Amino acid sequence: MGTQSAIAAAPAVTTAVRPGPPRSPRRRSEPQFGDRIRLGVLTEEITPEVVDEVLELTGRTERRRRLLPARAVVYFVLALCLFSSSDSAGPPGYRAVLRTLTEKLRHLPGGLVQRLPTSSALTRARQRLGDKPLQALFERRCGARATPTTPGAFAFGLRLVAWDGTALDVPDSPENAATFGFTGRDGTNKSGNPQVRLMALIECGTHAVIDAAFDSIARFSEHKLARRLLASLRPGILLLADRNFAGHELWGLVEETGCHLAWRIKKNLVLPPLWVLPDGSYVSVMPTPAEGQSLGNARFQGRTPTGLPDGHLVRIIDYTVTVRPQHGPVQVEKFRLATSLLDHRQAPARQLAQLYHQRWEIENGFAELKNRLRGAGFILRSKTPELICQEIYALLTVYQALCALKVHAAEQGEIDPDRISFTTTVRLARLTTAGQTAANPQALHAARLEVVQELLNDRLPPRRDRRCQRLKKPPRNTFEAKRRDEPRPPSRVSYSLKVTRNPGYPPSPAETP
């Protein structure tokens, strides 16, 4: 008997269908709340058109209609970073962030509210998106923000920038541990979590991120990551750096870009003067590694080298900084700078020495990125390397948009961007994102004008001279540190309770027969 005849001969079976709860009306022509998600006042920096462009470029546009389209997932990932430090206990969960992002966008006719996707569905949405769209978005948003009239952004006709590295803690999953690694050797100063080394090139006057690179902290040093940033250096820039970067090879690579340098170098380096300039600085040569070894051997043997050594021609500035606190002893610290600005009339030694203080702006930028935006002591939330990359690019993109908002407010008030509070900027950006009732550009632009006025009303006083020790307070508890090879106790257990009767005492009168 064929299949079709067997189905025809089978008796008809009727099933009773219970009426379920009425479903919310959902018309295909009505836009879902995912189509209207924006990022509040930061939308002018991260527009839907730019998001759609990077999605098309990276091939992440969806083939079928979803409750959360790809553009909404991009804004959702950005919102995860914007609201990361909104709760002091830890980064808020997926649904908490999405609820804040769409609270006034999910209302339907008849008083109904569209349901939020589950946390697992949001995780799958992040996995479908990947890290390439966020990388492309960051590459379109990064760059300098200062104009020639921005206070503290230029010196000697050159744009002031600085680069340095920092570390970001990531969850201790097997994938993250294998990809990113740990700092220190096993058993010696080993970090509790895997870490990502982040190398950033930041504009000193605005803290805007010009470029950034990150990779495994175990396999990539700051010097290796710095080479990835060379393409963003060009003529008209003065690059500031600490003494960790000074070296013949990296110095030459930076000079080839046409960028000028002013780097602190170690005081024990022997750089004999070729000639002394009227301002007290002198011209010397940063020798090649082979030439440096030859010069060291000559000094050890008591010989005087003849001729000009091979290397880069540099100008050396030795100076001291005296700190006189209101209470306590006076402290004096010696500094040594190497610069490619050889003309003492264009860049006098005293002005260059004062200018090097601007290098600390990148430390302030890292504090804003890691403590104010991500959250002090927080770790990133993603358990896989691809989503870690996605999260870092989103964090940098949101930080860049916040810096752009700060600069815009400073330009409107004709003040230094340093006087615009980054903490207040983050809080106002969160408020406008949570309170967005419409996604039209007019409403968002009006909200941006209000935020700018609020930032100007809460401007910071001019900076004062201050000193901050690089010390860390000891922990208050005395618990032992957990080793990575120590097995984790099971989280699912069952408890039983038994009251112990103390023998040797007579029973109570109530129990005596």
Protein backbone atom coordinates (compact mmCIF):
# COMPACT_ATOMS: atom_id res chain seq x y z
CA MET A 1 0.00 0.00 0.00
CA GLY A 2 1.40 3.42 -0.93
CA THR A 3 1.94 6.17 1.49
CA GLN A 4 -0.80 8.41 0.12
CA SER A 5 -3.42 5.59 0.23
CA ALA A 6 -2.45 4.69 3.79
CA ILE A 7 -2.96 8.28 4.86
CA ALA A 8 -6.34 8.34 3.07
CA ALA A 9 -7.47 5.09 4.72
CA ALA A 10 -6.54 6.17 8.21
CA PRO A 11 -9.44 7.31 10.36
CA ALA A 12 -9.74 11.00 10.98
CA VAL A 13 -8.54 12.09 14.39
CA THR A 14 -9.97 15.17 15.98
CA THR A 15 -8.10 17.05 18.69
CA ALA A 16 -9.49 19.64 21.02
CA VAL A 17 -7.63 22.94 20.97
CA ARG A 18 -7.81 25.02 24.11
CA PRO A 19 -8.06 28.71 23.57
CA GLY A 20 -4.85 30.32 24.72
CA PRO A 21 -4.27 33.86 25.96
CA PRO A 22 -4.89 36.53 23.32
CA ARG A 23 -1.73 37.43 21.45
CA SER A 24 -0.63 40.97 21.05
CA PRO A 25 -1.58 42.40 17.66
CA ARG A 26 1.40 42.37 15.36
CA ARG A 27 1.15 43.81 11.93
CA ARG A 28 3.86 43.27 9.41
CA SER A 29 3.66 46.89 8.29
CA GLU A 30 4.18 48.26 11.81
CA PRO A 31 7.84 48.89 12.75
CA GLN A 32 9.13 46.82 15.65
CA PHE A 33 10.92 48.49 18.55
CA GLY A 34 14.23 47.18 17.21
CA ASP A 35 13.88 49.42 14.16
CA ARG A 36 13.70 52.53 16.37
CA ILE A 37 16.57 51.86 18.78
CA ARG A 38 19.10 54.70 18.94
CA LEU A 39 21.80 55.82 21.39
CA GLY A 40 20.35 59.09 22.65
CA VAL A 41 22.55 62.15 22.21
CA LEU A 42 25.38 59.98 20.90
CA THR A 43 23.31 59.17 17.79
CA GLU A 44 24.71 62.21 15.96
CA GLU A 45 28.14 60.59 16.24
CA ILE A 46 26.92 57.05 15.54
CA THR A 47 24.13 57.57 13.03
CA PRO A 48 21.93 54.78 11.63
CA GLU A 49 23.35 55.52 8.18
CA VAL A 50 26.91 54.86 9.37
CA VAL A 51 25.80 51.66 11.15
CA ASP A 52 24.02 50.43 8.02
CA GLU A 53 27.11 51.24 5.97
CA VAL A 54 29.43 49.12 8.11
CA LEU A 55 26.90 46.29 8.19
CA GLU A 56 26.74 46.29 4.41
CA LEU A 57 30.51 46.50 4.16
CA THR A 58 31.06 43.53 6.47
CA GLY A 59 28.21 41.46 5.06
CA ARG A 60 26.18 41.34 8.30
CA THR A 61 22.83 42.53 6.97
CA GLU A 62 20.04 40.09 7.86
CA ARG A 63 18.18 38.08 5.23
CA ARG A 64 14.94 37.82 7.18
CA ARG A 65 13.07 40.22 9.38
CA ARG A 66 13.93 39.85 13.07
CA LEU A 67 12.66 41.46 16.24
CA LEU A 68 16.19 42.84 16.69
CA PRO A 69 17.70 43.63 13.29
CA ALA A 70 21.46 43.88 12.86
CA ARG A 71 21.44 47.65 13.31
CA ALA A 72 19.63 47.27 16.65
CA VAL A 73 22.17 44.66 17.77
CA VAL A 74 24.98 47.13 17.05
CA TYR A 75 23.27 49.77 19.20
CA PHE A 76 22.63 47.13 21.87
CA VAL A 77 26.34 46.20 22.04
CA LEU A 78 27.24 49.90 22.26
CA ALA A 79 24.69 50.33 25.06
CA LEU A 80 26.27 47.45 26.99
CA CYS A 81 29.44 49.55 27.16
CA LEU A 82 27.65 52.84 27.84
CA PHE A 83 25.79 51.39 30.85
CA SER A 84 28.65 49.16 32.05
CA SER A 85 29.35 51.18 35.21
CA SER A 86 25.75 52.27 35.90
CA ASP A 87 25.55 49.73 38.74
CA SER A 88 28.31 49.70 41.34
CA ALA A 89 27.86 45.96 41.92
CA GLY A 90 28.80 45.05 38.36
CA PRO A 91 27.80 45.51 34.72
CA PRO A 92 24.02 45.19 34.26
CA GLY A 93 22.65 42.15 32.45
CA TYR A 94 21.57 41.91 28.83
CA ARG A 95 17.85 42.29 29.45
CA ALA A 96 18.37 45.14 31.91
CA VAL A 97 20.31 47.11 29.31
CA LEU A 98 17.85 46.34 26.51
CA ARG A 99 14.93 47.25 28.77
CA THR A 100 16.54 50.62 29.47
CA LEU A 101 17.29 51.07 25.80
CA THR A 102 13.71 50.32 24.66
CA GLU A 103 11.53 51.17 27.66
CA LYS A 104 9.45 53.75 25.77
CA LEU A 105 9.71 52.11 22.35
CA ARG A 106 7.88 48.82 23.02
CA HIS A 107 4.37 50.13 23.70
CA LEU A 108 1.67 48.84 21.34
CA PRO A 109 -1.94 49.97 20.83
CA GLY A 110 -4.28 48.72 23.50
CA GLY A 111 -1.83 49.12 26.38
CA LEU A 112 0.23 46.08 25.40
CA VAL A 113 4.02 45.97 25.56
CA GLN A 114 6.25 43.91 23.32
CA ARG A 115 8.28 41.28 25.11
CA LEU A 116 12.05 41.45 25.36
CA PRO A 117 14.19 38.70 23.85
CA THR A 118 15.79 36.27 26.27
CA SER A 119 19.42 36.59 27.34
CA SER A 120 20.36 33.54 25.28
CA ALA A 121 18.71 35.07 22.21
CA LEU A 122 20.71 38.27 22.74
CA THR A 123 23.90 36.23 23.06
CA ARG A 124 23.15 34.51 19.75
CA ALA A 125 22.48 37.91 18.19
CA ARG A 126 25.92 39.09 19.30
CA GLN A 127 27.50 35.94 17.91
CA ARG A 128 25.77 36.43 14.54
CA LEU A 129 26.99 40.01 14.42
CA GLY A 130 30.64 39.21 15.19
CA ASP A 131 33.39 41.78 15.74
CA LYS A 132 33.95 43.06 12.18
CA PRO A 133 31.06 45.59 12.12
CA LEU A 134 32.20 47.14 15.42
CA GLN A 135 35.78 47.28 14.16
CA ALA A 136 34.67 49.04 10.98
CA LEU A 137 32.51 51.41 13.04
CA PHE A 138 35.43 52.33 15.30
CA GLU A 139 37.69 52.92 12.30
CA ARG A 140 35.13 55.41 10.96
CA ARG A 141 34.68 57.24 14.26
CA CYS A 142 38.28 57.39 15.54
CA GLY A 143 40.44 60.42 14.85
CA ALA A 144 41.53 63.79 16.22
CA ARG A 145 38.85 66.26 17.31
CA ALA A 146 40.77 69.43 18.17
CA THR A 147 40.93 72.53 16.01
CA PRO A 148 43.85 75.00 15.96
CA THR A 149 41.93 77.12 18.48
CA THR A 150 41.38 74.30 21.01
CA PRO A 151 43.32 75.11 24.21
CA GLY A 152 46.19 72.73 24.99
CA ALA A 153 45.91 70.78 21.73
CA PHE A 154 48.84 72.29 19.77
CA ALA A 155 52.39 73.44 20.48
CA PHE A 156 55.02 74.79 18.09
CA GLY A 157 52.40 74.44 15.34
CA LEU A 158 52.17 70.67 15.97
CA ARG A 159 49.25 68.59 17.20
CA LEU A 160 50.05 67.01 20.59
CA VAL A 161 49.40 63.28 20.80
CA ALA A 162 50.61 60.53 23.13
CA TRP A 163 50.65 56.77 23.04
CA ASP A 164 50.84 54.20 25.79
CA GLY A 165 49.53 50.78 26.74
CA THR A 166 47.19 49.42 29.38
CA ALA A 167 45.57 46.09 30.27
CA LEU A 168 41.92 45.03 30.30
CA ASP A 169 40.76 42.07 32.39
CA VAL A 170 38.53 39.50 30.62
CA PRO A 171 36.56 36.54 32.03
CA ASP A 172 38.57 33.46 32.92
CA SER A 173 37.12 31.09 30.32
CA PRO A 174 39.26 28.42 28.63
CA GLU A 175 38.99 30.19 25.27
CA ASN A 176 40.04 33.57 26.67
CA ALA A 177 42.88 32.04 28.68
CA ALA A 178 44.28 30.26 25.62
CA THR A 179 43.93 33.30 23.33
CA PHE A 180 44.99 36.21 25.54
CA GLY A 181 47.05 34.67 28.35
CA PHE A 182 48.11 36.12 31.70
CA THR A 183 50.73 38.54 32.98
CA GLY A 184 53.70 37.17 34.87
CA ARG A 185 54.93 33.63 35.12
CA ASP A 186 53.15 30.78 36.83
CA GLY A 187 53.16 31.40 40.55
CA THR A 188 54.88 34.81 40.24
CA ASN A 189 52.74 37.93 39.89
CA LYS A 190 50.25 36.10 37.70
CA SER A 191 47.06 38.01 37.01
CA GLY A 192 43.85 36.58 38.35
CA ASN A 193 42.12 36.84 34.97
CA PRO A 194 43.30 36.69 31.37
CA GLN A 195 44.16 40.12 30.05
CA VAL A 196 44.16 42.01 26.77
CA ARG A 197 46.92 44.51 26.10
CA LEU A 198 45.49 47.72 24.65
CA MET A 199 47.76 50.24 22.91
CA ALA A 200 46.16 53.60 22.17
CA LEU A 201 47.15 56.79 20.37
CA ILE A 202 45.26 59.67 22.02
CA GLU A 203 45.02 63.38 21.30
CA CYS A 204 46.25 65.21 24.39
CA GLY A 205 43.93 68.21 24.15
CA THR A 206 40.66 66.26 23.85
CA HIS A 207 41.46 62.64 24.86
CA ALA A 208 40.02 61.55 21.51
CA VAL A 209 41.26 58.16 20.31
CA ILE A 210 43.17 58.58 17.05
CA ASP A 211 43.90 54.87 16.74
CA ALA A 212 44.13 51.77 18.92
CA ALA A 213 45.38 48.20 18.71
CA PHE A 214 44.99 45.29 21.12
CA ASP A 215 46.03 41.66 21.35
CA SER A 216 47.24 38.97 23.72
CA ILE A 217 49.07 40.35 26.73
CA ALA A 218 51.27 37.23 26.87
CA ARG A 219 52.53 37.43 23.29
CA PHE A 220 52.46 41.11 22.35
CA SER A 221 54.43 43.88 24.04
CA GLU A 222 53.68 47.57 23.80
CA HIS A 223 56.50 47.92 21.26
CA LYS A 224 54.91 45.34 18.96
CA LEU A 225 51.47 46.92 19.18
CA ALA A 226 52.95 50.39 18.64
CA ARG A 227 53.98 49.34 15.15
CA ARG A 228 50.32 48.85 14.26
CA LEU A 229 49.69 52.53 15.03
CA LEU A 230 52.40 53.93 12.75
CA ALA A 231 49.95 54.36 9.87
CA SER A 232 48.06 56.99 11.92
CA LEU A 233 51.17 59.17 12.41
CA ARG A 234 51.88 61.90 9.88
CA PRO A 235 53.63 65.27 9.53
CA GLY A 236 52.29 68.01 11.80
CA ILE A 237 52.18 65.77 14.90
CA LEU A 238 54.35 65.82 18.02
CA LEU A 239 54.27 62.39 19.69
CA LEU A 240 54.89 62.18 23.46
CA ALA A 241 55.86 58.89 25.09
CA ASP A 242 57.36 57.60 28.32
CA ARG A 243 60.78 56.00 28.72
CA ASN A 244 59.53 52.50 27.90
CA PHE A 245 59.47 53.25 24.16
CA ALA A 246 62.86 54.87 23.54
CA GLY A 247 64.89 52.72 21.19
CA HIS A 248 66.75 53.07 17.92
CA GLU A 249 64.42 50.95 15.78
CA LEU A 250 61.07 52.32 16.94
CA TRP A 251 62.40 55.89 16.92
CA GLY A 252 63.42 55.49 13.30
CA LEU A 253 60.07 53.99 12.30
CA VAL A 254 58.22 56.96 13.83
CA GLU A 255 60.55 59.48 12.19
CA GLU A 256 59.89 57.91 8.78
CA THR A 257 56.22 58.92 9.10
CA GLY A 258 57.21 62.62 9.24
CA CYS A 259 56.01 62.87 12.85
CA HIS A 260 58.12 64.68 15.45
CA LEU A 261 58.98 63.04 18.77
CA ALA A 262 59.50 64.11 22.38
CA TRP A 263 60.14 61.01 24.47
CA ARG A 264 61.44 60.57 27.95
CA ILE A 265 64.53 58.34 28.06
CA LYS A 266 66.33 56.56 30.86
CA LYS A 267 68.93 58.56 32.75
CA ASN A 268 71.55 55.81 32.57
CA LEU A 269 71.84 56.01 28.78
CA VAL A 270 75.20 57.44 27.72
CA LEU A 271 74.63 59.99 24.96
CA PRO A 272 77.76 62.15 24.54
CA PRO A 273 77.03 65.68 23.30
CA LEU A 274 78.15 66.64 19.82
CA TRP A 275 77.48 70.32 20.45
CA VAL A 276 75.65 72.31 23.14
CA LEU A 277 72.84 74.72 22.28
CA PRO A 278 72.30 78.14 23.91
CA ASP A 279 69.24 76.96 25.92
CA GLY A 280 71.24 74.25 27.74
CA SER A 281 70.15 71.31 25.58
CA TYR A 282 72.61 69.47 23.38
CA VAL A 283 72.63 67.44 20.17
CA SER A 284 73.69 63.80 20.32
CA VAL A 285 73.20 60.53 18.47
CA MET A 286 70.88 57.69 19.44
CA PRO A 287 73.13 54.84 18.29
CA THR A 288 72.17 51.59 16.65
CA PRO A 289 72.31 48.50 18.92
CA ALA A 290 75.61 47.41 17.37
CA GLU A 291 77.07 50.89 17.63
CA GLY A 292 75.90 51.19 21.22
CA GLN A 293 77.67 47.96 22.13
CA SER A 294 80.84 49.17 20.42
CA LEU A 295 80.72 52.47 22.32
CA GLY A 296 80.19 50.61 25.60
CA ASN A 297 83.22 48.42 24.97
CA ALA A 298 85.31 51.50 24.16
CA ARG A 299 84.32 53.20 27.42
CA PHE A 300 85.03 50.00 29.37
CA GLN A 301 88.52 49.80 27.85
CA GLY A 302 89.19 53.49 28.41
CA ARG A 303 89.31 54.35 24.71
CA THR A 304 87.83 57.50 23.21
CA PRO A 305 85.68 56.74 20.15
CA THR A 306 86.51 58.70 17.04
CA GLY A 307 84.09 59.84 14.39
CA LEU A 308 80.33 60.26 14.40
CA PRO A 309 78.53 57.07 15.48
CA ASP A 310 75.76 55.57 13.36
CA GLY A 311 72.27 56.39 14.56
CA HIS A 312 69.56 59.04 14.75
CA LEU A 313 70.45 62.66 15.42
CA VAL A 314 68.53 63.75 18.54
CA ARG A 315 68.40 66.67 20.92
CA ILE A 316 68.73 65.91 24.63
CA ILE A 317 67.16 68.01 27.40
CA ASP A 318 68.14 67.31 31.02
CA TYR A 319 66.04 69.01 33.68
CA THR A 320 64.78 68.61 37.22
CA VAL A 321 61.31 69.04 38.68
CA THR A 322 61.08 70.35 42.24
CA VAL A 323 57.87 69.64 44.15
CA ARG A 324 57.16 71.86 47.16
CA PRO A 325 54.09 70.54 48.99
CA GLN A 326 52.17 72.58 51.51
CA HIS A 327 53.27 70.11 54.19
CA GLY A 328 56.19 67.74 54.01
CA PRO A 329 59.66 67.66 52.52
CA VAL A 330 60.65 69.06 49.15
CA GLN A 331 61.15 66.43 46.45
CA VAL A 332 63.37 66.71 43.39
CA GLU A 333 63.19 64.36 40.39
CA LYS A 334 65.46 64.29 37.36
CA PHE A 335 64.13 63.95 33.83
CA ARG A 336 65.74 63.46 30.45
CA LEU A 337 63.98 64.07 27.14
CA ALA A 338 65.00 63.15 23.61
CA THR A 339 63.36 65.03 20.77
CA SER A 340 63.60 65.28 17.01
CA LEU A 341 63.03 69.06 17.21
CA LEU A 342 66.66 70.10 16.78
CA ASP A 343 66.05 73.84 16.39
CA HIS A 344 66.16 75.41 19.86
CA ARG A 345 64.56 78.58 18.52
CA GLN A 346 61.47 76.73 17.30
CA ALA A 347 61.14 74.65 20.47
CA PRO A 348 63.06 76.05 23.46
CA ALA A 349 64.20 73.52 26.05
CA ARG A 350 62.14 74.98 28.91
CA GLN A 351 58.93 74.91 26.87
CA LEU A 352 59.56 71.32 25.79
CA ALA A 353 60.17 70.29 29.39
CA GLN A 354 56.90 71.92 30.45
CA LEU A 355 55.15 70.34 27.49
CA TYR A 356 56.08 66.78 28.43
CA HIS A 357 53.63 67.05 31.32
CA GLN A 358 50.87 66.74 28.69
CA ARG A 359 51.82 63.09 28.25
CA TRP A 360 49.82 62.37 31.41
CA GLU A 361 46.65 63.17 29.47
CA ILE A 362 46.72 59.65 28.09
CA GLU A 363 46.73 58.33 31.66
CA ASN A 364 43.67 60.48 32.34
CA GLY A 365 42.11 59.07 29.19
CA PHE A 366 42.70 55.50 30.34
CA ALA A 367 41.15 56.39 33.72
CA GLU A 368 38.03 57.68 31.94
CA LEU A 369 37.84 54.62 29.71
CA LYS A 370 38.45 51.98 32.38
CA ASN A 371 37.09 53.52 35.61
CA ARG A 372 34.35 55.97 34.57
CA LEU A 373 32.96 54.14 31.54
CA ARG A 374 33.74 50.44 32.02
CA GLY A 375 33.70 50.61 35.83
CA ALA A 376 36.52 50.55 38.36
CA GLY A 377 37.61 46.99 39.04
CA PHE A 378 35.15 45.55 36.50
CA ILE A 379 36.09 42.99 33.89
CA LEU A 380 34.68 42.67 30.40
CA ARG A 381 31.66 40.38 30.13
CA SER A 382 32.32 38.24 27.03
CA LYS A 383 33.41 34.61 27.37
CA THR A 384 34.84 34.11 23.85
CA PRO A 385 37.70 35.94 22.09
CA GLU A 386 35.54 37.12 19.18
CA LEU A 387 33.00 38.73 21.48
CA ILE A 388 35.84 40.22 23.56
CA CYS A 389 37.09 41.94 20.39
CA GLN A 390 33.55 43.08 19.65
CA GLU A 391 33.20 44.50 23.16
CA ILE A 392 36.52 46.35 23.09
CA TYR A 393 35.74 47.99 19.74
CA ALA A 394 32.33 48.99 21.09
CA LEU A 395 33.93 50.40 24.26
CA LEU A 396 36.36 52.49 22.21
CA THR A 397 33.58 53.69 19.90
CA VAL A 398 31.37 54.82 22.78
CA TYR A 399 34.33 56.53 24.46
CA GLN A 400 35.13 58.36 21.23
CA ALA A 401 31.52 59.54 20.90
CA LEU A 402 31.57 60.82 24.49
CA CYS A 403 34.82 62.70 23.81
CA ALA A 404 33.25 64.26 20.73
CA LEU A 405 30.31 65.43 22.85
CA LYS A 406 32.73 66.93 25.39
CA VAL A 407 34.63 68.78 22.68
CA HIS A 408 31.42 70.09 21.15
CA ALA A 409 30.28 71.44 24.51
CA ALA A 410 33.68 73.07 25.11
CA GLU A 411 33.56 74.74 21.70
CA GLN A 412 30.10 76.14 22.43
CA GLY A 413 31.30 77.54 25.72
CA GLU A 414 34.73 78.60 24.34
CA ILE A 415 36.54 76.82 27.17
CA ASP A 416 39.19 74.14 27.54
CA PRO A 417 37.78 70.59 27.03
CA ASP A 418 39.46 69.66 30.34
CA ARG A 419 36.78 71.68 32.12
CA ILE A 420 33.97 69.46 30.82
CA SER A 421 33.35 66.62 33.27
CA PHE A 422 33.59 63.19 31.65
CA THR A 423 31.56 61.64 34.48
CA THR A 424 28.73 64.11 33.92
CA THR A 425 28.92 63.47 30.18
CA VAL A 426 28.46 59.73 30.72
CA ARG A 427 25.53 60.21 33.08
CA LEU A 428 23.71 62.62 30.77
CA ALA A 429 24.27 60.32 27.80
CA ARG A 430 22.67 57.47 29.76
CA LEU A 431 19.69 59.59 30.76
CA THR A 432 18.94 60.65 27.20
CA THR A 433 19.35 57.08 25.95
CA ALA A 434 16.92 55.72 28.53
CA GLY A 435 14.44 58.54 27.97
CA GLN A 436 14.37 58.61 24.19
CA THR A 437 10.70 58.58 23.20
CA ALA A 438 11.30 59.13 19.51
CA ALA A 439 14.06 58.24 17.11
CA ASN A 440 13.63 61.20 14.79
CA PRO A 441 16.70 63.42 14.30
CA GLN A 442 14.90 66.58 15.44
CA ALA A 443 14.12 65.23 18.91
CA LEU A 444 17.62 63.82 19.36
CA HIS A 445 19.21 67.09 18.23
CA ALA A 446 17.10 69.05 20.72
CA ALA A 447 18.18 66.64 23.46
CA ARG A 448 21.81 67.14 22.45
CA LEU A 449 21.47 70.93 22.82
CA GLU A 450 20.04 70.46 26.32
CA VAL A 451 22.90 68.15 27.29
CA VAL A 452 25.47 70.66 26.03
CA GLN A 453 23.91 73.36 28.18
CA GLU A 454 23.90 71.04 31.21
CA LEU A 455 27.60 70.27 30.68
CA LEU A 456 28.42 73.97 30.53
CA ASN A 457 26.41 74.62 33.68
CA ASP A 458 28.43 71.92 35.50
CA ARG A 459 31.84 72.92 34.17
CA LEU A 460 34.86 72.07 36.28
CA PRO A 461 37.15 74.72 37.81
CA PRO A 462 40.53 75.30 36.15
CA ARG A 463 43.04 72.59 36.94
CA ARG A 464 45.42 73.13 39.81
CA ASP A 465 48.89 71.73 40.33
CA ARG A 466 48.67 68.39 42.11
CA ARG A 467 50.63 65.26 42.83
CA CYS A 468 49.43 61.67 42.82
CA GLN A 469 51.51 58.81 44.16
CA ARG A 470 51.46 55.57 42.19
CA LEU A 471 50.54 53.49 45.23
CA LYS A 472 47.76 51.03 45.95
CA LYS A 473 46.06 50.54 49.29
CA PRO A 474 46.43 47.03 50.73
CA PRO A 475 43.28 44.88 50.84
CA ARG A 476 41.36 44.86 54.08
CA ASN A 477 40.82 41.09 54.16
CA THR A 478 43.47 38.46 54.76
CA PHE A 479 41.99 35.68 52.61
CA GLU A 480 44.41 33.60 50.61
CA ALA A 481 44.54 34.11 46.87
CA LYS A 482 42.91 31.37 44.82
CA ARG A 483 45.27 29.50 42.53
CA ARG A 484 44.19 28.79 38.98
CA ASP A 485 44.94 25.09 39.34
CA GLU A 486 42.84 24.85 42.50
CA PRO A 487 39.59 22.98 41.80
CA ARG A 488 36.43 24.98 42.15
CA PRO A 489 33.94 23.64 44.76
CA PRO A 490 30.59 22.49 43.34
CA SER A 491 27.92 25.16 43.27
CA ARG A 492 24.95 22.75 43.48
CA VAL A 493 24.79 21.09 46.87
CA SER A 494 22.13 19.88 49.32
CA TYR A 495 22.09 20.71 53.01
CA SER A 496 20.82 18.70 55.96
CA LEU A 497 20.40 19.90 59.54
CA LYS A 498 20.36 17.86 62.77
CA VAL A 499 19.96 19.26 66.27
CA THR A 500 22.49 17.73 68.65
CA ARG A 501 21.22 16.78 72.11
CA ASN A 502 23.73 17.52 74.84
CA PRO A 503 24.06 14.43 77.08
CA GLY A 504 24.77 14.59 80.78
CA TYR A 505 21.99 16.96 81.75
CA PRO A 506 18.61 15.90 83.16
CA PRO A 507 15.54 16.32 80.93
CA SER A 508 13.26 19.25 81.48
CA PRO A 509 10.28 18.83 83.85
CA ALA A 510 7.89 18.92 80.91
CA GLU A 511 9.48 15.76 79.50
CA THR A 512 9.47 13.85 82.85
CA PRO A 513 6.56 11.32 83.03
